């Protein structure tokens, strides 16, 4: 099972990240390499700022440190939707879940995230909403 689990985690097309309490990247799978454009050797050891758009960093870190301090987040069962940033500077739309990781004493040790790039779907929905608004405005 360990070999199969490792294959699942490494080969997943979704980005799977593990970070410590300070938000330093400890693990970065192949899916994260493709999604964000950074090879694992470049991402591991870096801050999550690597993939967080600059204008969202303060809000992100407020929430991150609050979760690390309290051990509570609604995103263990709900998906979080947020923009991310590719190495080339382009934005991507993400949906992801968070798993809080604990040490042997039950204290929060960091977190893991499973992220999916939903940019294509988000763009399609945005286009459809605009078309719907245009149709409605023509009817009135």
C-alpha atoms as a PDB file:
ATOM      1  CA  UNK A   1       0.000   0.000   0.000  1.00  0.00           C
ATOM      2  CA  UNK A   2       2.831   2.471   0.766  1.00  0.00           C
ATOM      3  CA  UNK A   3       4.201   2.213  -2.792  1.00  0.00           C
ATOM      4  CA  UNK A   4       0.739   2.705  -4.277  1.00  0.00           C
ATOM      5  CA  UNK A   5      -0.006   5.637  -1.993  1.00  0.00           C
ATOM      6  CA  UNK A   6       3.288   7.280  -2.942  1.00  0.00           C
ATOM      7  CA  UNK A   7       2.477   6.787  -6.631  1.00  0.00           C
ATOM      8  CA  UNK A   8      -0.970   8.323  -6.138  1.00  0.00           C
ATOM      9  CA  UNK A   9       0.421  11.378  -4.372  1.00  0.00           C
ATOM     10  CA  UNK A  10       3.315  11.945  -6.729  1.00  0.00           C
ATOM     11  CA  UNK A  11       1.492  11.296 -10.014  1.00  0.00           C
ATOM     12  CA  UNK A  12      -1.769  13.099  -9.175  1.00  0.00           C
ATOM     13  CA  UNK A  13      -2.666  15.777 -11.713  1.00  0.00           C
ATOM     14  CA  UNK A  14      -3.867  17.846  -8.743  1.00  0.00           C
ATOM     15  CA  UNK A  15      -1.257  19.843  -6.869  1.00  0.00           C
ATOM     16  CA  UNK A  16      -0.482  18.305  -3.485  1.00  0.00           C
ATOM     17  CA  UNK A  17       1.497  20.526  -1.110  1.00  0.00           C
ATOM     18  CA  UNK A  18       2.648  20.178   2.465  1.00  0.00           C
ATOM     19  CA  UNK A  19       3.680  23.235   4.455  1.00  0.00           C
ATOM     20  CA  UNK A  20       4.969  23.824   7.963  1.00  0.00           C
ATOM     21  CA  UNK A  21       3.449  26.162  10.576  1.00  0.00           C
ATOM     22  CA  UNK A  22       5.213  29.162   9.040  1.00  0.00           C
ATOM     23  CA  UNK A  23       3.988  28.435   5.505  1.00  0.00           C
ATOM     24  CA  UNK A  24       7.258  27.044   4.161  1.00  0.00           C
ATOM     25  CA  UNK A  25       6.758  24.417   1.450  1.00  0.00           C
ATOM     26  CA  UNK A  26       7.932  20.963   2.570  1.00  0.00           C
ATOM     27  CA  UNK A  27       6.451  18.812  -0.208  1.00  0.00           C
ATOM     28  CA  UNK A  28       5.511  19.641  -3.826  1.00  0.00           C
ATOM     29  CA  UNK A  29       4.266  16.912  -6.152  1.00  0.00           C
ATOM     30  CA  UNK A  30       4.385  16.622  -9.950  1.00  0.00           C
ATOM     31  CA  UNK A  31       0.880  18.080 -10.227  1.00  0.00           C
ATOM     32  CA  UNK A  32       2.101  21.218  -8.423  1.00  0.00           C
ATOM     33  CA  UNK A  33       5.066  21.430 -10.800  1.00  0.00           C
ATOM     34  CA  UNK A  34       2.735  21.435 -13.807  1.00  0.00           C
ATOM     35  CA  UNK A  35       0.113  23.695 -12.247  1.00  0.00           C
ATOM     36  CA  UNK A  36       2.444  26.407 -10.966  1.00  0.00           C
ATOM     37  CA  UNK A  37       5.482  26.013 -13.239  1.00  0.00           C
ATOM     38  CA  UNK A  38       8.064  25.534 -10.497  1.00  0.00           C
ATOM     39  CA  UNK A  39      10.023  22.284 -10.221  1.00  0.00           C
ATOM     40  CA  UNK A  40       9.985  20.757  -6.733  1.00  0.00           C
ATOM     41  CA  UNK A  41      13.671  21.586  -6.262  1.00  0.00           C
ATOM     42  CA  UNK A  42      12.829  25.260  -6.724  1.00  0.00           C
ATOM     43  CA  UNK A  43       9.629  25.313  -4.627  1.00  0.00           C
ATOM     44  CA  UNK A  44      10.545  23.205  -1.581  1.00  0.00           C
ATOM     45  CA  UNK A  45      11.903  25.419   1.176  1.00  0.00           C
ATOM     46  CA  UNK A  46      10.184  28.536  -0.194  1.00  0.00           C
ATOM     47  CA  UNK A  47       7.264  30.454   1.286  1.00  0.00           C
ATOM     48  CA  UNK A  48       3.751  29.980  -0.095  1.00  0.00           C
ATOM     49  CA  UNK A  49       4.156  33.557  -1.340  1.00  0.00           C
ATOM     50  CA  UNK A  50       5.583  31.789  -4.385  1.00  0.00           C
ATOM     51  CA  UNK A  51       2.036  31.022  -5.579  1.00  0.00           C
ATOM     52  CA  UNK A  52      -0.058  33.695  -3.842  1.00  0.00           C
ATOM     53  CA  UNK A  53      -0.808  36.879  -5.793  1.00  0.00           C
ATOM     54  CA  UNK A  54       0.774  39.814  -3.986  1.00  0.00           C
ATOM     55  CA  UNK A  55      -2.503  41.655  -3.374  1.00  0.00           C
ATOM     56  CA  UNK A  56      -3.915  38.609  -1.523  1.00  0.00           C
ATOM     57  CA  UNK A  57      -0.931  37.780   0.674  1.00  0.00           C
ATOM     58  CA  UNK A  58      -1.910  39.779   3.777  1.00  0.00           C
ATOM     59  CA  UNK A  59      -5.370  38.200   3.871  1.00  0.00           C
ATOM     60  CA  UNK A  60      -3.909  34.743   3.234  1.00  0.00           C
ATOM     61  CA  UNK A  61      -1.360  35.007   6.052  1.00  0.00           C
ATOM     62  CA  UNK A  62      -3.933  36.370   8.519  1.00  0.00           C
ATOM     63  CA  UNK A  63      -6.060  33.293   7.909  1.00  0.00           C
ATOM     64  CA  UNK A  64      -3.139  30.867   7.759  1.00  0.00           C
ATOM     65  CA  UNK A  65      -1.670  31.929  11.097  1.00  0.00           C
ATOM     66  CA  UNK A  66      -5.117  31.975  12.726  1.00  0.00           C
ATOM     67  CA  UNK A  67      -5.665  28.358  11.606  1.00  0.00           C
ATOM     68  CA  UNK A  68      -2.195  27.336  12.820  1.00  0.00           C
ATOM     69  CA  UNK A  69      -2.917  28.933  16.221  1.00  0.00           C
ATOM     70  CA  UNK A  70      -6.471  27.622  16.696  1.00  0.00           C
ATOM     71  CA  UNK A  71      -6.432  24.363  14.766  1.00  0.00           C
ATOM     72  CA  UNK A  72      -9.797  25.265  13.266  1.00  0.00           C
ATOM     73  CA  UNK A  73     -10.815  25.918   9.686  1.00  0.00           C
ATOM     74  CA  UNK A  74     -14.044  25.415   7.793  1.00  0.00           C
ATOM     75  CA  UNK A  75     -12.000  24.312   4.800  1.00  0.00           C
ATOM     76  CA  UNK A  76     -11.391  20.803   6.116  1.00  0.00           C
ATOM     77  CA  UNK A  77     -14.822  19.949   4.696  1.00  0.00           C
ATOM     78  CA  UNK A  78     -15.550  22.851   2.315  1.00  0.00           C
ATOM     79  CA  UNK A  79     -13.535  23.713  -0.762  1.00  0.00           C
ATOM     80  CA  UNK A  80     -11.636  26.971  -0.708  1.00  0.00           C
ATOM     81  CA  UNK A  81     -11.686  28.969  -3.935  1.00  0.00           C
ATOM     82  CA  UNK A  82      -8.851  31.394  -4.522  1.00  0.00           C
ATOM     83  CA  UNK A  83      -6.637  32.807  -7.247  1.00  0.00           C
ATOM     84  CA  UNK A  84      -3.126  31.448  -7.474  1.00  0.00           C
ATOM     85  CA  UNK A  85      -0.096  32.563  -9.414  1.00  0.00           C
ATOM     86  CA  UNK A  86       1.939  30.663 -12.001  1.00  0.00           C
ATOM     87  CA  UNK A  87       5.698  31.113 -12.257  1.00  0.00           C
ATOM     88  CA  UNK A  88       5.194  33.199 -15.412  1.00  0.00           C
ATOM     89  CA  UNK A  89       3.078  35.679 -13.406  1.00  0.00           C
ATOM     90  CA  UNK A  90      -0.282  34.634 -14.831  1.00  0.00           C
ATOM     91  CA  UNK A  91      -3.180  34.027 -12.479  1.00  0.00           C
ATOM     92  CA  UNK A  92      -4.985  30.741 -12.192  1.00  0.00           C
ATOM     93  CA  UNK A  93      -8.244  29.938 -10.421  1.00  0.00           C
ATOM     94  CA  UNK A  94      -7.942  27.275  -7.742  1.00  0.00           C
ATOM     95  CA  UNK A  95     -10.230  25.110  -5.667  1.00  0.00           C
ATOM     96  CA  UNK A  96      -8.636  23.224  -2.820  1.00  0.00           C
ATOM     97  CA  UNK A  97      -9.081  21.418   0.434  1.00  0.00           C
ATOM     98  CA  UNK A  98      -6.886  21.661   3.491  1.00  0.00           C
ATOM     99  CA  UNK A  99      -5.808  18.905   5.870  1.00  0.00           C
ATOM    100  CA  UNK A 100      -4.344  20.021   9.189  1.00  0.00           C
ATOM    101  CA  UNK A 101      -1.287  17.986  10.153  1.00  0.00           C
ATOM    102  CA  UNK A 102      -0.476  17.287  13.794  1.00  0.00           C
ATOM    103  CA  UNK A 103       2.657  16.198  15.615  1.00  0.00           C
ATOM    104  CA  UNK A 104       2.839  13.275  18.056  1.00  0.00           C
ATOM    105  CA  UNK A 105       1.403  15.508  20.823  1.00  0.00           C
ATOM    106  CA  UNK A 106      -1.606  16.515  18.730  1.00  0.00           C
ATOM    107  CA  UNK A 107      -0.308  20.056  18.121  1.00  0.00           C
ATOM    108  CA  UNK A 108      -0.713  21.616  14.679  1.00  0.00           C
ATOM    109  CA  UNK A 109       2.469  20.944  12.748  1.00  0.00           C
ATOM    110  CA  UNK A 110       1.452  22.364   9.358  1.00  0.00           C
ATOM    111  CA  UNK A 111      -1.014  21.551   6.648  1.00  0.00           C
ATOM    112  CA  UNK A 112      -1.468  19.743   3.379  1.00  0.00           C
ATOM    113  CA  UNK A 113      -3.501  21.022   0.460  1.00  0.00           C
ATOM    114  CA  UNK A 114      -4.919  19.317  -2.585  1.00  0.00           C
ATOM    115  CA  UNK A 115      -5.420  21.926  -5.307  1.00  0.00           C
ATOM    116  CA  UNK A 116      -7.184  21.799  -8.656  1.00  0.00           C
ATOM    117  CA  UNK A 117      -6.842  24.349 -11.446  1.00  0.00           C
ATOM    118  CA  UNK A 118     -10.386  25.415 -12.381  1.00  0.00           C
ATOM    119  CA  UNK A 119      -9.388  28.359 -14.571  1.00  0.00           C
ATOM    120  CA  UNK A 120     -11.078  27.031 -17.731  1.00  0.00           C
ATOM    121  CA  UNK A 121     -14.359  26.401 -15.898  1.00  0.00           C
ATOM    122  CA  UNK A 122     -14.187  29.783 -14.148  1.00  0.00           C
ATOM    123  CA  UNK A 123     -13.607  31.581 -17.477  1.00  0.00           C
ATOM    124  CA  UNK A 124     -16.491  29.693 -19.112  1.00  0.00           C
ATOM    125  CA  UNK A 125     -18.831  30.590 -16.231  1.00  0.00           C
ATOM    126  CA  UNK A 126     -17.747  34.234 -16.411  1.00  0.00           C
ATOM    127  CA  UNK A 127     -18.520  34.308 -20.148  1.00  0.00           C
ATOM    128  CA  UNK A 128     -21.914  32.659 -19.624  1.00  0.00           C
ATOM    129  CA  UNK A 129     -22.829  35.127 -16.853  1.00  0.00           C
ATOM    130  CA  UNK A 130     -21.947  38.036 -19.123  1.00  0.00           C
ATOM    131  CA  UNK A 131     -24.013  36.571 -21.965  1.00  0.00           C
ATOM    132  CA  UNK A 132     -26.953  36.085 -19.598  1.00  0.00           C
ATOM    133  CA  UNK A 133     -26.665  39.666 -18.344  1.00  0.00           C
ATOM    134  CA  UNK A 134     -26.527  40.920 -21.950  1.00  0.00           C
ATOM    135  CA  UNK A 135     -29.650  38.897 -22.838  1.00  0.00           C
ATOM    136  CA  UNK A 136     -31.494  40.228 -19.800  1.00  0.00           C
ATOM    137  CA  UNK A 137     -30.583  43.804 -20.616  1.00  0.00           C
ATOM    138  CA  UNK A 138     -31.910  43.379 -24.173  1.00  0.00           C
ATOM    139  CA  UNK A 139     -35.250  42.142 -22.821  1.00  0.00           C
ATOM    140  CA  UNK A 140     -35.828  45.201 -20.677  1.00  0.00           C
END
